[in-house]
């Protein structure tokens, strides 16, 4: 729809949307990742799970260039995140959107201006076009134009997530990354957000990567699950196949009392 966003980036049809190869991450003397590998194909909805401190959010941040790995390679759409000049890097970053755990809305901006922010940063849309696009994104996340005048402090937890999602979709990305998207939501709002995300993923043809510890979210959304343990990805498969693993973390995560329902659904 937006020709201004269609900056050519070379890409083979068969290239994975996300490719992480031999990734190592160290903070001081502490190794978080060692030899981590992960490839995510177009159209997949991948849940990344792992124990506390296993490096899930760190990996997500490395996928979008907010953190550098100690060693290894991260590519999106077959392209390295860094190098090749500012225009190439900018074009690549327009192809993904991010929803951070707590929304990360600008507290001094109203809802409209939060969603408009990435559009204005491009400096290629008129204010009239921006208004039309913001209202379109609001409708995608089931909010009304009048909600655009609210400040972040006036929003419920569920609305914060929806506004943050609308902003993540502002540049019509192909890849959407979500960090604990249902954290802090009550069960009804969580279920509503999961349904919305699943619908948008299907309608917009998105590839989605989400970090989550919520088993209901995982079972409702994920086409594949990547399990981070022992400083690497120890399993990567659809949920029903994952249930056959004998890895201790997978067994404790999915077959504990809280995971009984998820395991039953998968089986």
Foldseek 3Di string as FASTA:
>chain_A
DDPLLCDDDDADQFAFQKWWAQFWADDVPRTLAGGATDGHHFLFAEEEEEDPSNCPVVVVCVQLPVDPTPDTFMDGRNHGCDDDDDVNNVSSNLQFFEQEQQLPFDQVAFLLCSLLVVVVVSVPDDVVVSLVLSQVLCVLLPHHSVSRRHGPVPDDSLVSLSSSVSSRCSSPHQEYEYEASCPPPDPVSSVSVLVSVQVCCVVSSHHYYYYHLQLVSCLSHGQWYFYRDPNYGPDIHGPLVLLPDPDVRSCCSQVPPNNVVSNVVSD
